Structure formats: C-alpha cells, structure tokens
Amino acid sequence: MPPRWAKLCASDHAMNAIDEMSALNRDLKKFFDEHGAAYPVWQALEAEAGRYLQ
C-alpha cells in the first residue's frame, strides 16, 4: 500500500489537471485561430471533455 503522502500528492496533482487542461485548451484554440488552422479533432475532443473544462 502506498504511503499517505503519495496519495496526497496524486490527489493534489489530479486537482490541478482541470486548470492545466483548460489553459491548454484556451491557448491551443488561440494559436489555431491566429494561424487560420482547422482543428476538427481538437474540437471533437473539446466537445467530449467540455463539462470538465472551465
């Protein structure tokens, strides 16, 4: 069984994932839009994960 601190670290890392993925989504969309690129695969992933993004 992992030590208690390992569970705390994993939990803390998971809590930051929403903010990190939301920032990645925002910045990638900005990049694609600035360069006039189509990004249908990313848009499909965004639609699938939309309720988790901020």
PDB file of N, CA and C in Angstrom:
ATOM      1  N   MET A   1       0.850  -1.173   0.000  1.00  0.00           N
ATOM      2  CA  MET A   1       0.000   0.000   0.000  1.00  0.00           C
ATOM      3  C   MET A   1       0.900   1.241   0.000  1.00  0.00           C
ATOM      4  N   PRO A   2       0.583   2.232  -0.848  1.00  0.00           N
ATOM      5  CA  PRO A   2       1.430   3.429  -0.910  1.00  0.00           C
ATOM      6  C   PRO A   2       1.329   4.249   0.376  1.00  0.00           C
ATOM      7  N   PRO A   3       2.384   4.971   0.679  1.00  0.00           N
ATOM      8  CA  PRO A   3       2.337   5.817   1.876  1.00  0.00           C
ATOM      9  C   PRO A   3       1.289   6.921   1.711  1.00  0.00           C
ATOM     10  N   ARG A   4       0.836   7.476   2.829  1.00  0.00           N
ATOM     11  CA  ARG A   4      -0.197   8.514   2.811  1.00  0.00           C
ATOM     12  C   ARG A   4       0.229   9.723   1.986  1.00  0.00           C
ATOM     13  N   TRP A   5       1.493  10.093   2.045  1.00  0.00           N
ATOM     14  CA  TRP A   5       1.943  11.274   1.303  1.00  0.00           C
ATOM     15  C   TRP A   5       1.815  11.061  -0.202  1.00  0.00           C
ATOM     16  N   ALA A   6       1.955   9.812  -0.657  1.00  0.00           N
ATOM     17  CA  ALA A   6       1.827   9.529  -2.090  1.00  0.00           C
ATOM     18  C   ALA A   6       0.388   9.749  -2.551  1.00  0.00           C
ATOM     19  N   LYS A   7      -0.560   9.345  -1.718  1.00  0.00           N
ATOM     20  CA  LYS A   7      -1.970   9.574  -2.053  1.00  0.00           C
ATOM     21  C   LYS A   7      -2.273  11.066  -2.096  1.00  0.00           C
ATOM     22  N   LEU A   8      -1.714  11.817  -1.170  1.00  0.00           N
ATOM     23  CA  LEU A   8      -1.919  13.265  -1.133  1.00  0.00           C
ATOM     24  C   LEU A   8      -1.339  13.916  -2.380  1.00  0.00           C
ATOM     25  N   CYS A   9      -0.145  13.512  -2.781  1.00  0.00           N
ATOM     26  CA  CYS A   9       0.488  14.071  -3.983  1.00  0.00           C
ATOM     27  C   CYS A   9      -0.328  13.755  -5.230  1.00  0.00           C
ATOM     28  N   ALA A  10      -0.797  12.535  -5.353  1.00  0.00           N
ATOM     29  CA  ALA A  10      -1.596  12.147  -6.519  1.00  0.00           C
ATOM     30  C   ALA A  10      -2.907  12.918  -6.547  1.00  0.00           C
ATOM     31  N   SER A  11      -3.514  13.089  -5.395  1.00  0.00           N
ATOM     32  CA  SER A  11      -4.774  13.829  -5.313  1.00  0.00           C
ATOM     33  C   SER A  11      -4.571  15.287  -5.684  1.00  0.00           C
ATOM     34  N   ASP A  12      -3.510  15.901  -5.183  1.00  0.00           N
ATOM     35  CA  ASP A  12      -3.216  17.302  -5.485  1.00  0.00           C
ATOM     36  C   ASP A  12      -2.938  17.478  -6.974  1.00  0.00           C
ATOM     37  N   HIS A  13      -2.201  16.564  -7.559  1.00  0.00           N
ATOM     38  CA  HIS A  13      -1.893  16.633  -8.989  1.00  0.00           C
ATOM     39  C   HIS A  13      -3.176  16.539  -9.817  1.00  0.00           C
ATOM     40  N   ALA A  14      -4.059  15.642  -9.450  1.00  0.00           N
ATOM     41  CA  ALA A  14      -5.316  15.474 -10.186  1.00  0.00           C
ATOM     42  C   ALA A  14      -6.179  16.724 -10.092  1.00  0.00           C
ATOM     43  N   MET A  15      -6.168  17.400  -8.950  1.00  0.00           N
ATOM     44  CA  MET A  15      -6.973  18.612  -8.789  1.00  0.00           C
ATOM     45  C   MET A  15      -6.477  19.733  -9.696  1.00  0.00           C
ATOM     46  N   ASN A  16      -5.191  19.758 -10.003  1.00  0.00           N
ATOM     47  CA  ASN A  16      -4.641  20.783 -10.890  1.00  0.00           C
ATOM     48  C   ASN A  16      -4.886  20.476 -12.358  1.00  0.00           C
ATOM     49  N   ALA A  17      -5.248  19.268 -12.674  1.00  0.00           N
ATOM     50  CA  ALA A  17      -5.416  18.863 -14.071  1.00  0.00           C
ATOM     51  C   ALA A  17      -6.495  19.669 -14.783  1.00  0.00           C
ATOM     52  N   ILE A  18      -7.573  20.009 -14.096  1.00  0.00           N
ATOM     53  CA  ILE A  18      -8.649  20.771 -14.731  1.00  0.00           C
ATOM     54  C   ILE A  18      -8.142  22.135 -15.165  1.00  0.00           C
ATOM     55  N   ASP A  19      -7.437  22.824 -14.281  1.00  0.00           N
ATOM     56  CA  ASP A  19      -6.892  24.142 -14.627  1.00  0.00           C
ATOM     57  C   ASP A  19      -5.870  24.041 -15.758  1.00  0.00           C
ATOM     58  N   GLU A  20      -5.013  23.031 -15.687  1.00  0.00           N
ATOM     59  CA  GLU A  20      -3.976  22.864 -16.712  1.00  0.00           C
ATOM     60  C   GLU A  20      -4.591  22.557 -18.080  1.00  0.00           C
ATOM     61  N   MET A  21      -5.569  21.678 -18.124  1.00  0.00           N
ATOM     62  CA  MET A  21      -6.196  21.328 -19.398  1.00  0.00           C
ATOM     63  C   MET A  21      -7.035  22.481 -19.945  1.00  0.00           C
ATOM     64  N   SER A  22      -7.665  23.245 -19.058  1.00  0.00           N
ATOM     65  CA  SER A  22      -8.432  24.408 -19.508  1.00  0.00           C
ATOM     66  C   SER A  22      -7.507  25.443 -20.131  1.00  0.00           C
ATOM     67  N   ALA A  23      -6.346  25.661 -19.513  1.00  0.00           N
ATOM     68  CA  ALA A  23      -5.367  26.610 -20.066  1.00  0.00           C
ATOM     69  C   ALA A  23      -4.822  26.104 -21.398  1.00  0.00           C
ATOM     70  N   LEU A  24      -4.539  24.813 -21.483  1.00  0.00           N
ATOM     71  CA  LEU A  24      -4.057  24.234 -22.737  1.00  0.00           C
ATOM     72  C   LEU A  24      -5.104  24.396 -23.835  1.00  0.00           C
ATOM     73  N   ASN A  25      -6.349  24.122 -23.518  1.00  0.00           N
ATOM     74  CA  ASN A  25      -7.431  24.258 -24.489  1.00  0.00           C
ATOM     75  C   ASN A  25      -7.541  25.704 -24.969  1.00  0.00           C
ATOM     76  N   ARG A  26      -7.546  26.646 -24.043  1.00  0.00           N
ATOM     77  CA  ARG A  26      -7.648  28.064 -24.392  1.00  0.00           C
ATOM     78  C   ARG A  26      -6.502  28.497 -25.296  1.00  0.00           C
ATOM     79  N   ASP A  27      -5.286  28.131 -24.920  1.00  0.00           N
ATOM     80  CA  ASP A  27      -4.109  28.573 -25.670  1.00  0.00           C
ATOM     81  C   ASP A  27      -4.004  27.906 -27.041  1.00  0.00           C
ATOM     82  N   LEU A  28      -4.352  26.631 -27.132  1.00  0.00           N
ATOM     83  CA  LEU A  28      -4.317  25.958 -28.435  1.00  0.00           C
ATOM     84  C   LEU A  28      -5.356  26.540 -29.387  1.00  0.00           C
ATOM     85  N   LYS A  29      -6.556  26.811 -28.880  1.00  0.00           N
ATOM     86  CA  LYS A  29      -7.585  27.415 -29.730  1.00  0.00           C
ATOM     87  C   LYS A  29      -7.130  28.780 -30.231  1.00  0.00           C
ATOM     88  N   LYS A  30      -6.509  29.556 -29.360  1.00  0.00           N
ATOM     89  CA  LYS A  30      -5.993  30.872 -29.758  1.00  0.00           C
ATOM     90  C   LYS A  30      -4.930  30.709 -30.847  1.00  0.00           C
ATOM     91  N   PHE A  31      -4.014  29.767 -30.659  1.00  0.00           N
ATOM     92  CA  PHE A  31      -2.954  29.510 -31.635  1.00  0.00           C
ATOM     93  C   PHE A  31      -3.545  29.105 -32.987  1.00  0.00           C
ATOM     94  N   PHE A  32      -4.452  28.135 -32.969  1.00  0.00           N
ATOM     95  CA  PHE A  32      -5.072  27.676 -34.215  1.00  0.00           C
ATOM     96  C   PHE A  32      -5.801  28.818 -34.914  1.00  0.00           C
ATOM     97  N   ASP A  33      -6.559  29.597 -34.154  1.00  0.00           N
ATOM     98  CA  ASP A  33      -7.326  30.699 -34.743  1.00  0.00           C
ATOM     99  C   ASP A  33      -6.419  31.780 -35.318  1.00  0.00           C
ATOM    100  N   GLU A  34      -5.342  32.106 -34.617  1.00  0.00           N
ATOM    101  CA  GLU A  34      -4.403  33.125 -35.103  1.00  0.00           C
ATOM    102  C   GLU A  34      -3.735  32.705 -36.407  1.00  0.00           C
ATOM    103  N   HIS A  35      -3.580  31.405 -36.609  1.00  0.00           N
ATOM    104  CA  HIS A  35      -2.898  30.899 -37.799  1.00  0.00           C
ATOM    105  C   HIS A  35      -3.864  30.364 -38.856  1.00  0.00           C
ATOM    106  N   GLY A  36      -5.148  30.566 -38.629  1.00  0.00           N
ATOM    107  CA  GLY A  36      -6.144  30.144 -39.606  1.00  0.00           C
ATOM    108  C   GLY A  36      -6.194  28.646 -39.838  1.00  0.00           C
ATOM    109  N   ALA A  37      -5.820  27.888 -38.836  1.00  0.00           N
ATOM    110  CA  ALA A  37      -5.778  26.428 -38.974  1.00  0.00           C
ATOM    111  C   ALA A  37      -7.111  25.804 -38.565  1.00  0.00           C
ATOM    112  N   ALA A  38      -7.480  24.767 -39.275  1.00  0.00           N
ATOM    113  CA  ALA A  38      -8.650  23.978 -38.886  1.00  0.00           C
ATOM    114  C   ALA A  38      -8.200  22.958 -37.838  1.00  0.00           C
ATOM    115  N   TYR A  39      -9.059  22.688 -36.893  1.00  0.00           N
ATOM    116  CA  TYR A  39      -8.691  21.735 -35.841  1.00  0.00           C
ATOM    117  C   TYR A  39      -9.905  20.897 -35.426  1.00  0.00           C
ATOM    118  N   PRO A  40     -10.438  20.128 -36.374  1.00  0.00           N
ATOM    119  CA  PRO A  40     -11.642  19.339 -36.086  1.00  0.00           C
ATOM    120  C   PRO A  40     -11.438  18.259 -35.020  1.00  0.00           C
ATOM    121  N   VAL A  41     -10.271  17.663 -34.973  1.00  0.00           N
ATOM    122  CA  VAL A  41     -10.032  16.619 -33.969  1.00  0.00           C
ATOM    123  C   VAL A  41     -10.009  17.241 -32.580  1.00  0.00           C
ATOM    124  N   TRP A  42      -9.333  18.385 -32.455  1.00  0.00           N
ATOM    125  CA  TRP A  42      -9.289  19.065 -31.153  1.00  0.00           C
ATOM    126  C   TRP A  42     -10.691  19.506 -30.744  1.00  0.00           C
ATOM    127  N   GLN A  43     -11.482  20.002 -31.698  1.00  0.00           N
ATOM    128  CA  GLN A  43     -12.845  20.434 -31.391  1.00  0.00           C
ATOM    129  C   GLN A  43     -13.712  19.253 -30.946  1.00  0.00           C
ATOM    130  N   ALA A  44     -13.493  18.095 -31.532  1.00  0.00           N
ATOM    131  CA  ALA A  44     -14.231  16.901 -31.104  1.00  0.00           C
ATOM    132  C   ALA A  44     -13.842  16.511 -29.680  1.00  0.00           C
ATOM    133  N   LEU A  45     -12.552  16.577 -29.374  1.00  0.00           N
ATOM    134  CA  LEU A  45     -12.097  16.285 -28.011  1.00  0.00           C
ATOM    135  C   LEU A  45     -12.650  17.309 -27.024  1.00  0.00           C
ATOM    136  N   GLU A  46     -12.670  18.571 -27.439  1.00  0.00           N
ATOM    137  CA  GLU A  46     -13.199  19.634 -26.579  1.00  0.00           C
ATOM    138  C   GLU A  46     -14.681  19.392 -26.285  1.00  0.00           C
ATOM    139  N   ALA A  47     -15.447  19.011 -27.296  1.00  0.00           N
ATOM    140  CA  ALA A  47     -16.870  18.738 -27.102  1.00  0.00           C
ATOM    141  C   ALA A  47     -17.076  17.564 -26.144  1.00  0.00           C
ATOM    142  N   GLU A  48     -16.219  16.569 -26.268  1.00  0.00           N
ATOM    143  CA  GLU A  48     -16.309  15.389 -25.410  1.00  0.00           C
ATOM    144  C   GLU A  48     -15.949  15.714 -23.961  1.00  0.00           C
ATOM    145  N   ALA A  49     -14.976  16.592 -23.766  1.00  0.00           N
ATOM    146  CA  ALA A  49     -14.495  16.922 -22.422  1.00  0.00           C
ATOM    147  C   ALA A  49     -15.057  18.240 -21.905  1.00  0.00           C
ATOM    148  N   GLY A  50     -15.975  18.839 -22.656  1.00  0.00           N
ATOM    149  CA  GLY A  50     -16.468  20.170 -22.335  1.00  0.00           C
ATOM    150  C   GLY A  50     -16.934  20.382 -20.914  1.00  0.00           C
ATOM    151  N   ARG A  51     -17.582  19.406 -20.333  1.00  0.00           N
ATOM    152  CA  ARG A  51     -18.096  19.619 -18.977  1.00  0.00           C
ATOM    153  C   ARG A  51     -16.986  19.643 -17.931  1.00  0.00           C
ATOM    154  N   TYR A  52     -15.808  19.186 -18.288  1.00  0.00           N
ATOM    155  CA  TYR A  52     -14.685  19.199 -17.354  1.00  0.00           C
ATOM    156  C   TYR A  52     -13.836  20.456 -17.485  1.00  0.00           C
ATOM    157  N   LEU A  53     -13.975  21.163 -18.613  1.00  0.00           N
ATOM    158  CA  LEU A  53     -13.171  22.355 -18.848  1.00  0.00           C
ATOM    159  C   LEU A  53     -13.844  23.566 -18.230  1.00  0.00           C
ATOM    160  N   GLN A  54     -13.034  24.557 -17.901  1.00  0.00           N
ATOM    161  CA  GLN A  54     -13.568  25.782 -17.300  1.00  0.00           C
ATOM    162  C   GLN A  54     -13.611  26.873 -18.323  1.00  0.00           C
TER     163      GLN A  54
END
